[in-house]
């Protein structure tokens, strides 16, 4: 299927959204990722 997303396309989409979200949302995302990482390590 020609519409299938490749890994490169997913990276590009993630980068596009990352650049366009607000600073507050970036901070929230970072806190969320850190919280998930610490919960995985425990």
Protein backbone atom coordinates (compact mmCIF):
# COMPACT_ATOMS: atom_id res chain seq x y z
CA UNK A 1 0.00 0.00 0.00
CA UNK A 2 1.51 3.30 -1.09
CA UNK A 3 0.00 5.16 1.87
CA UNK A 4 1.89 3.03 4.40
CA UNK A 5 4.02 5.18 6.67
CA UNK A 6 7.70 4.39 6.76
CA UNK A 7 9.89 4.85 9.83
CA UNK A 8 11.37 7.98 8.24
CA UNK A 9 7.92 9.45 7.71
CA UNK A 10 7.01 8.84 11.35
CA UNK A 11 10.19 10.63 12.47
CA UNK A 12 9.38 13.56 10.19
CA UNK A 13 5.79 13.79 11.48
CA UNK A 14 6.97 13.63 15.11
CA UNK A 15 9.53 16.37 14.45
CA UNK A 16 6.90 18.54 12.74
CA UNK A 17 4.55 18.31 15.71
CA UNK A 18 7.40 18.77 18.19
CA UNK A 19 8.43 22.03 16.51
CA UNK A 20 4.88 23.36 16.42
CA UNK A 21 3.60 22.63 19.92
CA UNK A 22 3.86 25.25 22.63
CA UNK A 23 6.60 25.36 25.26
CA UNK A 24 4.07 24.38 27.93
CA UNK A 25 3.15 21.26 25.99
CA UNK A 26 6.83 20.41 25.48
CA UNK A 27 7.42 20.64 29.23
CA UNK A 28 4.37 18.45 29.86
CA UNK A 29 5.61 15.89 27.32
CA UNK A 30 9.08 15.78 28.91
CA UNK A 31 7.61 15.30 32.39
CA UNK A 32 5.34 12.57 31.03
CA UNK A 33 8.24 10.75 29.35
CA UNK A 34 10.42 11.02 32.46
CA UNK A 35 7.59 9.70 34.64
CA UNK A 36 7.07 6.76 32.30
CA UNK A 37 10.79 6.00 32.18
CA UNK A 38 11.12 6.00 35.96
CA UNK A 39 8.06 3.76 36.31
CA UNK A 40 9.55 1.29 33.83
CA UNK A 41 12.85 1.19 35.74
CA UNK A 42 11.23 0.44 39.12
